[in-house]
């Protein structure tokens, strides 16, 4: 049986935002698509600029409310370029799945953006992708195109 790679389980149709995407739109995308994070990509070349997670948005709201910092721009008025976490930990398509799973577990990561050698986004792998693969019956070794393209 061949060793599974990130490319075998990553999601390739990724919901992403650009640096000028407003807070509210980022939050709506997370809710509408039932996802935990969105990559921030450069509108010109598709390069990865950062990642915005549910935790990032909730933390901003909790610690940047109007009572905490009077006179500051409220977090809901911010754009993705200000909300993103950067730099972003990434994975490569040919990384072995067990290695990436260990890395995610040890570092407490829920998502890894999958990039090429120029840091252009190719997909994303999350804990749920790993869990789906690890829960498959042993006789199923090939990942369907339908799963990878969801």
N, C-alpha and C. Protein backbone atom coordinates (compact mmCIF):
# COMPACT_ATOMS: atom_id res chain seq x y z
N UNK A 1 0.86 -1.18 0.00
CA UNK A 1 0.00 0.00 0.00
C UNK A 1 0.90 1.24 0.00
N UNK A 2 0.58 2.20 -0.83
CA UNK A 2 1.39 3.41 -0.93
C UNK A 2 1.13 4.34 0.25
N UNK A 3 2.14 5.15 0.54
CA UNK A 3 2.00 6.12 1.63
C UNK A 3 1.17 7.30 1.15
N UNK A 4 0.18 7.66 1.94
CA UNK A 4 -0.67 8.80 1.57
C UNK A 4 0.09 10.10 1.73
N UNK A 5 -0.20 11.02 0.85
CA UNK A 5 0.41 12.35 0.83
C UNK A 5 -0.68 13.40 1.03
N UNK A 6 -0.25 14.60 1.36
CA UNK A 6 -1.19 15.71 1.56
C UNK A 6 -2.07 15.88 0.33
N UNK A 7 -1.51 15.76 -0.86
CA UNK A 7 -2.28 15.95 -2.09
C UNK A 7 -3.46 14.98 -2.20
N UNK A 8 -3.37 13.84 -1.50
CA UNK A 8 -4.43 12.84 -1.54
C UNK A 8 -5.67 13.25 -0.75
N UNK A 9 -5.53 14.15 0.20
CA UNK A 9 -6.66 14.49 1.07
C UNK A 9 -6.99 15.98 1.12
N UNK A 10 -6.13 16.81 0.57
CA UNK A 10 -6.35 18.26 0.69
C UNK A 10 -7.58 18.69 -0.10
N UNK A 11 -8.18 19.75 0.36
CA UNK A 11 -9.29 20.38 -0.34
C UNK A 11 -8.69 21.36 -1.34
N UNK A 12 -9.10 21.25 -2.60
CA UNK A 12 -8.53 22.12 -3.63
C UNK A 12 -9.43 23.31 -3.97
N UNK A 13 -10.70 23.19 -3.71
CA UNK A 13 -11.60 24.33 -3.93
C UNK A 13 -11.71 25.07 -2.60
N UNK A 14 -10.79 25.99 -2.40
CA UNK A 14 -10.65 26.66 -1.12
C UNK A 14 -11.34 28.02 -1.15
N UNK A 15 -12.09 28.30 -0.12
CA UNK A 15 -12.67 29.62 0.08
C UNK A 15 -11.54 30.49 0.60
N UNK A 16 -11.22 31.56 -0.12
CA UNK A 16 -10.12 32.45 0.28
C UNK A 16 -10.59 33.89 0.15
N UNK A 17 -9.82 34.78 0.75
CA UNK A 17 -10.13 36.21 0.69
C UNK A 17 -8.89 36.97 0.23
N UNK A 18 -9.11 38.22 -0.15
CA UNK A 18 -8.01 39.09 -0.52
C UNK A 18 -7.75 40.07 0.63
N UNK A 19 -6.65 40.79 0.59
CA UNK A 19 -6.33 41.71 1.69
C UNK A 19 -7.40 42.77 1.97
N UNK A 20 -8.20 43.12 0.96
CA UNK A 20 -9.21 44.17 1.15
C UNK A 20 -10.58 43.65 1.58
N UNK A 21 -10.70 42.37 1.88
CA UNK A 21 -11.98 41.81 2.31
C UNK A 21 -12.29 42.30 3.73
N UNK A 22 -13.50 42.86 3.93
CA UNK A 22 -13.88 43.37 5.26
C UNK A 22 -14.15 42.24 6.28
N UNK A 23 -13.98 42.57 7.54
CA UNK A 23 -14.22 41.66 8.67
C UNK A 23 -15.54 40.92 8.51
N UNK A 24 -16.61 41.66 8.29
CA UNK A 24 -17.95 41.07 8.23
C UNK A 24 -18.04 40.00 7.14
N UNK A 25 -17.44 40.27 5.98
CA UNK A 25 -17.47 39.30 4.89
C UNK A 25 -16.67 38.05 5.24
N UNK A 26 -15.54 38.22 5.91
CA UNK A 26 -14.74 37.07 6.35
C UNK A 26 -15.59 36.22 7.30
N UNK A 27 -16.23 36.85 8.27
CA UNK A 27 -17.06 36.11 9.24
C UNK A 27 -18.20 35.38 8.52
N UNK A 28 -18.84 36.04 7.57
CA UNK A 28 -19.94 35.42 6.83
C UNK A 28 -19.46 34.21 6.03
N UNK A 29 -18.28 34.31 5.42
CA UNK A 29 -17.73 33.18 4.66
C UNK A 29 -17.48 31.98 5.57
N UNK A 30 -16.91 32.23 6.74
CA UNK A 30 -16.66 31.14 7.69
C UNK A 30 -17.97 30.46 8.08
N UNK A 31 -18.98 31.26 8.36
CA UNK A 31 -20.28 30.72 8.77
C UNK A 31 -21.00 30.02 7.62
N UNK A 32 -21.07 30.68 6.47
CA UNK A 32 -21.81 30.13 5.32
C UNK A 32 -21.22 28.82 4.82
N UNK A 33 -19.89 28.70 4.85
CA UNK A 33 -19.23 27.51 4.33
C UNK A 33 -18.87 26.49 5.41
N UNK A 34 -19.20 26.83 6.66
CA UNK A 34 -18.93 25.94 7.80
C UNK A 34 -17.46 25.52 7.83
N UNK A 35 -16.60 26.53 7.76
CA UNK A 35 -15.16 26.30 7.80
C UNK A 35 -14.56 27.09 8.95
N UNK A 36 -13.37 26.72 9.36
CA UNK A 36 -12.74 27.34 10.52
C UNK A 36 -11.71 28.39 10.19
N UNK A 37 -11.33 28.52 8.90
CA UNK A 37 -10.31 29.49 8.54
C UNK A 37 -10.36 29.76 7.04
N UNK A 38 -9.87 30.93 6.66
CA UNK A 38 -9.73 31.28 5.24
C UNK A 38 -8.33 31.84 5.00
N UNK A 39 -7.68 31.37 3.94
CA UNK A 39 -6.40 31.96 3.57
C UNK A 39 -6.61 33.36 3.00
N UNK A 40 -5.62 34.22 3.19
CA UNK A 40 -5.60 35.54 2.57
C UNK A 40 -4.57 35.45 1.45
N UNK A 41 -5.04 35.68 0.22
CA UNK A 41 -4.13 35.56 -0.92
C UNK A 41 -4.03 36.88 -1.67
N UNK A 42 -2.89 37.09 -2.28
CA UNK A 42 -2.63 38.27 -3.07
C UNK A 42 -3.51 38.24 -4.32
N UNK A 43 -4.23 39.34 -4.59
CA UNK A 43 -5.12 39.35 -5.75
C UNK A 43 -4.35 39.24 -7.06
N UNK A 44 -3.11 39.66 -7.10
CA UNK A 44 -2.35 39.67 -8.34
C UNK A 44 -1.75 38.32 -8.70
N UNK A 45 -1.05 37.69 -7.77
CA UNK A 45 -0.33 36.46 -8.13
C UNK A 45 -0.79 35.22 -7.37
N UNK A 46 -1.80 35.35 -6.50
CA UNK A 46 -2.29 34.19 -5.75
C UNK A 46 -1.37 33.74 -4.63
N UNK A 47 -0.36 34.54 -4.32
CA UNK A 47 0.57 34.19 -3.24
C UNK A 47 -0.11 34.25 -1.89
N UNK A 48 0.30 33.35 -1.00
CA UNK A 48 -0.27 33.29 0.34
C UNK A 48 0.27 34.43 1.20
N UNK A 49 -0.65 35.22 1.77
CA UNK A 49 -0.28 36.35 2.61
C UNK A 49 -0.58 36.13 4.08
N UNK A 50 -1.46 35.19 4.37
CA UNK A 50 -1.84 34.96 5.75
C UNK A 50 -3.03 34.04 5.85
N UNK A 51 -3.53 33.90 7.06
CA UNK A 51 -4.67 33.04 7.35
C UNK A 51 -5.50 33.74 8.41
N UNK A 52 -6.81 33.68 8.27
CA UNK A 52 -7.73 34.23 9.28
C UNK A 52 -8.60 33.08 9.77
N UNK A 53 -8.55 32.83 11.07
CA UNK A 53 -9.35 31.75 11.66
C UNK A 53 -10.49 32.33 12.47
N UNK A 54 -11.41 31.45 12.85
CA UNK A 54 -12.49 31.85 13.76
C UNK A 54 -11.89 32.44 15.03
N UNK A 55 -10.85 31.80 15.52
CA UNK A 55 -10.20 32.27 16.75
C UNK A 55 -9.67 33.69 16.58
N UNK A 56 -9.08 33.99 15.43
CA UNK A 56 -8.58 35.34 15.18
C UNK A 56 -9.70 36.37 15.29
N UNK A 57 -10.84 36.07 14.69
CA UNK A 57 -11.95 37.03 14.71
C UNK A 57 -12.55 37.17 16.10
N UNK A 58 -12.71 36.06 16.79
CA UNK A 58 -13.28 36.12 18.14
C UNK A 58 -12.35 36.86 19.08
N UNK A 59 -11.06 36.58 18.96
CA UNK A 59 -10.07 37.26 19.81
C UNK A 59 -10.09 38.76 19.56
N UNK A 60 -10.16 39.15 18.30
CA UNK A 60 -10.22 40.59 17.98
C UNK A 60 -11.43 41.24 18.63
N UNK A 61 -12.57 40.58 18.55
CA UNK A 61 -13.79 41.13 19.13
C UNK A 61 -13.68 41.22 20.64
N UNK A 62 -13.08 40.22 21.25
CA UNK A 62 -12.99 40.19 22.71
C UNK A 62 -12.03 41.24 23.25
N UNK A 63 -10.94 41.46 22.55
CA UNK A 63 -9.90 42.35 23.07
C UNK A 63 -9.82 43.70 22.41
N UNK A 64 -10.61 43.93 21.37
CA UNK A 64 -10.59 45.23 20.72
C UNK A 64 -11.96 45.87 20.70
N UNK A 65 -12.76 45.51 21.66
CA UNK A 65 -14.07 46.13 21.76
C UNK A 65 -13.93 47.61 22.08
N UNK A 66 -14.97 48.39 21.88
CA UNK A 66 -14.90 49.83 22.10
C UNK A 66 -14.53 50.21 23.53
N UNK A 67 -14.85 49.36 24.50
CA UNK A 67 -14.53 49.68 25.89
C UNK A 67 -13.06 49.43 26.22
N UNK A 68 -12.41 48.54 25.47
CA UNK A 68 -11.03 48.18 25.75
C UNK A 68 -10.04 49.23 25.27
N UNK A 69 -10.27 49.78 24.09
CA UNK A 69 -9.35 50.75 23.50
C UNK A 69 -10.13 51.91 22.88
N UNK A 70 -10.59 52.84 23.70
CA UNK A 70 -11.37 53.96 23.15
C UNK A 70 -10.58 54.70 22.08
N UNK A 71 -11.25 55.06 21.00
CA UNK A 71 -10.61 55.80 19.92
C UNK A 71 -9.97 54.92 18.87
N UNK A 72 -9.81 53.63 19.13
CA UNK A 72 -9.23 52.73 18.13
C UNK A 72 -10.29 52.30 17.14
N UNK A 73 -9.83 51.88 15.97
CA UNK A 73 -10.74 51.35 14.97
C UNK A 73 -11.29 50.03 15.49
N UNK A 74 -12.59 49.91 15.51
CA UNK A 74 -13.22 48.68 15.99
C UNK A 74 -12.86 47.54 15.04
N UNK A 75 -12.66 46.35 15.58
CA UNK A 75 -12.20 45.22 14.77
C UNK A 75 -13.15 44.91 13.63
N UNK A 76 -14.43 45.15 13.80
CA UNK A 76 -15.38 44.87 12.71
C UNK A 76 -15.22 45.83 11.54
N UNK A 77 -14.43 46.88 11.71
CA UNK A 77 -14.17 47.82 10.63
C UNK A 77 -12.85 47.50 9.92
N UNK A 78 -12.16 46.49 10.37
CA UNK A 78 -10.86 46.14 9.82
C UNK A 78 -11.00 45.29 8.55
N UNK A 79 -9.91 45.27 7.80
CA UNK A 79 -9.83 44.47 6.58
C UNK A 79 -8.96 43.24 6.82
N UNK A 80 -9.05 42.29 5.91
CA UNK A 80 -8.32 41.03 6.04
C UNK A 80 -6.82 41.27 6.24
N UNK A 81 -6.25 42.26 5.59
CA UNK A 81 -4.81 42.52 5.74
C UNK A 81 -4.43 42.83 7.18
N UNK A 82 -5.39 43.36 7.96
CA UNK A 82 -5.14 43.70 9.36
C UNK A 82 -5.52 42.56 10.31
N UNK A 83 -6.35 41.66 9.85
CA UNK A 83 -6.86 40.58 10.68
C UNK A 83 -6.04 39.31 10.58
N UNK A 84 -5.30 39.17 9.52
CA UNK A 84 -4.60 37.92 9.22
C UNK A 84 -3.49 37.60 10.19
N UNK A 85 -3.21 36.33 10.32
CA UNK A 85 -2.05 35.85 11.02
C UNK A 85 -1.00 35.58 9.95
N UNK A 86 0.18 36.09 10.15
CA UNK A 86 1.27 35.87 9.19
C UNK A 86 2.59 35.90 9.96
N UNK A 87 3.57 35.16 9.58
CA UNK A 87 3.54 34.20 8.47
C UNK A 87 2.71 32.98 8.83
N UNK A 88 2.37 32.20 7.80
CA UNK A 88 1.50 31.05 7.96
C UNK A 88 2.31 29.77 7.81
N UNK A 89 2.08 28.82 8.72
CA UNK A 89 2.67 27.49 8.57
C UNK A 89 1.99 26.82 7.38
N UNK A 90 2.77 26.16 6.56
CA UNK A 90 2.22 25.55 5.35
C UNK A 90 2.65 24.10 5.22
N UNK A 91 2.07 23.43 4.25
CA UNK A 91 2.45 22.08 3.87
C UNK A 91 2.65 22.07 2.37
N UNK A 92 3.34 21.05 1.90
CA UNK A 92 3.56 20.86 0.47
C UNK A 92 2.73 19.65 0.03
N UNK A 93 2.31 19.58 -1.23
CA UNK A 93 1.46 18.48 -1.68
C UNK A 93 2.06 17.10 -1.49
N UNK A 94 3.38 16.98 -1.58
CA UNK A 94 4.03 15.68 -1.47
C UNK A 94 4.44 15.31 -0.05
N UNK A 95 4.11 16.15 0.93
CA UNK A 95 4.43 15.81 2.32
C UNK A 95 3.66 14.55 2.73
N UNK A 96 4.32 13.61 3.42
CA UNK A 96 3.61 12.41 3.90
C UNK A 96 2.54 12.78 4.92
N UNK A 97 1.38 12.18 4.77
CA UNK A 97 0.25 12.49 5.63
C UNK A 97 0.53 12.23 7.11
N UNK A 98 1.17 11.13 7.48
CA UNK A 98 1.44 10.92 8.91
C UNK A 98 2.35 12.01 9.51
N UNK A 99 3.30 12.49 8.74
CA UNK A 99 4.19 13.54 9.21
C UNK A 99 3.42 14.84 9.45
N UNK A 100 2.54 15.16 8.51
CA UNK A 100 1.73 16.38 8.64
C UNK A 100 0.75 16.25 9.79
N UNK A 101 0.17 15.08 9.97
CA UNK A 101 -0.76 14.86 11.08
C UNK A 101 -0.05 15.05 12.42
N UNK A 102 1.16 14.49 12.55
CA UNK A 102 1.93 14.67 13.79
C UNK A 102 2.24 16.14 14.01
N UNK A 103 2.67 16.81 12.96
CA UNK A 103 3.01 18.23 13.07
C UNK A 103 1.81 19.05 13.52
N UNK A 104 0.66 18.79 12.92
CA UNK A 104 -0.54 19.53 13.30
C UNK A 104 -0.90 19.27 14.75
N UNK A 105 -0.79 18.01 15.17
CA UNK A 105 -1.12 17.66 16.56
C UNK A 105 -0.14 18.31 17.53
N UNK A 106 1.14 18.20 17.25
CA UNK A 106 2.16 18.74 18.16
C UNK A 106 2.13 20.26 18.25
N UNK A 107 1.80 20.92 17.14
CA UNK A 107 1.79 22.38 17.11
C UNK A 107 0.40 22.96 17.38
N UNK A 108 -0.60 22.10 17.58
CA UNK A 108 -1.95 22.57 17.85
C UNK A 108 -2.59 23.28 16.67
N UNK A 109 -2.23 22.88 15.47
CA UNK A 109 -2.77 23.52 14.26
C UNK A 109 -4.02 22.80 13.79
N UNK A 110 -4.99 23.59 13.38
CA UNK A 110 -6.23 23.03 12.85
C UNK A 110 -6.22 23.01 11.33
N UNK A 111 -5.41 23.88 10.73
CA UNK A 111 -5.36 24.01 9.26
C UNK A 111 -3.92 24.24 8.82
N UNK A 112 -3.59 23.70 7.66
CA UNK A 112 -2.34 24.04 7.00
C UNK A 112 -2.67 24.35 5.55
N UNK A 113 -2.22 25.49 5.09
CA UNK A 113 -2.41 25.85 3.70
C UNK A 113 -1.36 25.08 2.89
N UNK A 114 -1.78 24.49 1.80
CA UNK A 114 -0.89 23.73 0.93
C UNK A 114 -0.43 24.66 -0.18
N UNK A 115 0.88 24.79 -0.32
CA UNK A 115 1.44 25.74 -1.28
C UNK A 115 2.46 25.07 -2.20
N UNK A 116 2.73 25.74 -3.32
CA UNK A 116 3.79 25.28 -4.22
C UNK A 116 5.10 25.96 -3.82
N UNK A 117 6.14 25.79 -4.62
CA UNK A 117 7.45 26.33 -4.29
C UNK A 117 7.48 27.87 -4.29
N UNK A 118 6.51 28.51 -4.92
CA UNK A 118 6.42 29.98 -4.93
C UNK A 118 5.44 30.51 -3.89
N UNK A 119 4.98 29.64 -3.00
CA UNK A 119 4.01 29.96 -1.95
C UNK A 119 2.65 30.37 -2.50
N UNK A 120 2.32 29.87 -3.68
CA UNK A 120 0.97 30.05 -4.22
C UNK A 120 0.11 28.93 -3.66
N UNK A 121 -1.10 29.29 -3.25
CA UNK A 121 -1.99 28.34 -2.62
C UNK A 121 -2.49 27.30 -3.61
N UNK A 122 -2.38 26.04 -3.22
CA UNK A 122 -2.88 24.92 -4.02
C UNK A 122 -4.10 24.28 -3.36
N UNK A 123 -4.20 24.44 -2.05
CA UNK A 123 -5.29 23.81 -1.31
C UNK A 123 -5.12 24.06 0.16
N UNK A 124 -5.90 23.32 0.94
CA UNK A 124 -5.81 23.42 2.39
C UNK A 124 -6.08 22.03 2.97
N UNK A 125 -5.42 21.72 4.05
CA UNK A 125 -5.67 20.46 4.74
C UNK A 125 -6.02 20.82 6.18
N UNK A 126 -7.09 20.22 6.67
CA UNK A 126 -7.52 20.50 8.04
C UNK A 126 -7.65 19.19 8.80
N UNK A 127 -7.85 19.30 10.08
CA UNK A 127 -7.97 18.10 10.92
C UNK A 127 -9.06 17.17 10.42
N UNK A 128 -10.16 17.72 9.95
CA UNK A 128 -11.27 16.89 9.48
C UNK A 128 -10.85 16.06 8.27
N UNK A 129 -10.01 16.63 7.38
CA UNK A 129 -9.50 15.87 6.23
C UNK A 129 -8.70 14.67 6.70
N UNK A 130 -7.86 14.89 7.71
CA UNK A 130 -7.05 13.80 8.26
C UNK A 130 -7.93 12.74 8.90
N UNK A 131 -8.90 13.17 9.67
CA UNK A 131 -9.79 12.25 10.35
C UNK A 131 -10.57 11.40 9.35
N UNK A 132 -11.05 12.03 8.28
CA UNK A 132 -11.77 11.28 7.24
C UNK A 132 -10.90 10.17 6.67
N UNK A 133 -9.66 10.50 6.40
CA UNK A 133 -8.75 9.52 5.81
C UNK A 133 -8.43 8.40 6.79
N UNK A 134 -8.19 8.75 8.04
CA UNK A 134 -7.83 7.75 9.03
C UNK A 134 -9.02 6.85 9.38
N UNK A 135 -10.24 7.30 9.11
CA UNK A 135 -11.44 6.53 9.42
C UNK A 135 -11.86 5.61 8.26
N UNK A 136 -11.19 5.72 7.12
CA UNK A 136 -11.54 4.89 5.96
C UNK A 136 -11.18 3.43 6.21
N UNK A 137 -11.95 2.51 5.65
CA UNK A 137 -11.59 1.09 5.76
C UNK A 137 -10.21 0.84 5.14
N UNK A 138 -9.46 -0.11 5.66
CA UNK A 138 -8.11 -0.40 5.19
C UNK A 138 -8.04 -0.75 3.71
N UNK A 139 -9.08 -1.34 3.15
CA UNK A 139 -9.02 -1.74 1.74
C UNK A 139 -9.16 -0.56 0.78
N UNK A 140 -9.55 0.59 1.25
CA UNK A 140 -9.68 1.76 0.39
C UNK A 140 -8.39 2.55 0.44
N UNK A 141 -7.63 2.51 -0.63
CA UNK A 141 -6.35 3.20 -0.64
C UNK A 141 -6.33 4.39 -1.56
N UNK A 142 -7.27 4.49 -2.45
CA UNK A 142 -7.30 5.61 -3.37
C UNK A 142 -8.35 6.62 -2.91
N UNK A 143 -8.05 7.88 -3.01
CA UNK A 143 -8.96 8.94 -2.63
C UNK A 143 -9.72 9.38 -3.86
N UNK A 144 -11.02 9.50 -3.74
CA UNK A 144 -11.83 9.86 -4.90
C UNK A 144 -11.62 11.32 -5.27
N UNK A 145 -11.75 11.60 -6.56
CA UNK A 145 -11.65 12.99 -7.02
C UNK A 145 -12.74 13.84 -6.41
N UNK A 146 -13.92 13.25 -6.19
CA UNK A 146 -15.02 14.00 -5.60
C UNK A 146 -14.64 14.54 -4.23
N UNK A 147 -13.99 13.71 -3.40
CA UNK A 147 -13.58 14.15 -2.06
C UNK A 147 -12.56 15.27 -2.14
N UNK A 148 -11.57 15.12 -3.01
CA UNK A 148 -10.49 16.12 -3.08
C UNK A 148 -10.98 17.44 -3.66
N UNK A 149 -12.04 17.43 -4.41
CA UNK A 149 -12.48 18.65 -5.09
C UNK A 149 -13.70 19.29 -4.42
N UNK A 150 -14.05 18.86 -3.22
CA UNK A 150 -15.24 19.41 -2.56
C UNK A 150 -15.08 20.84 -2.17
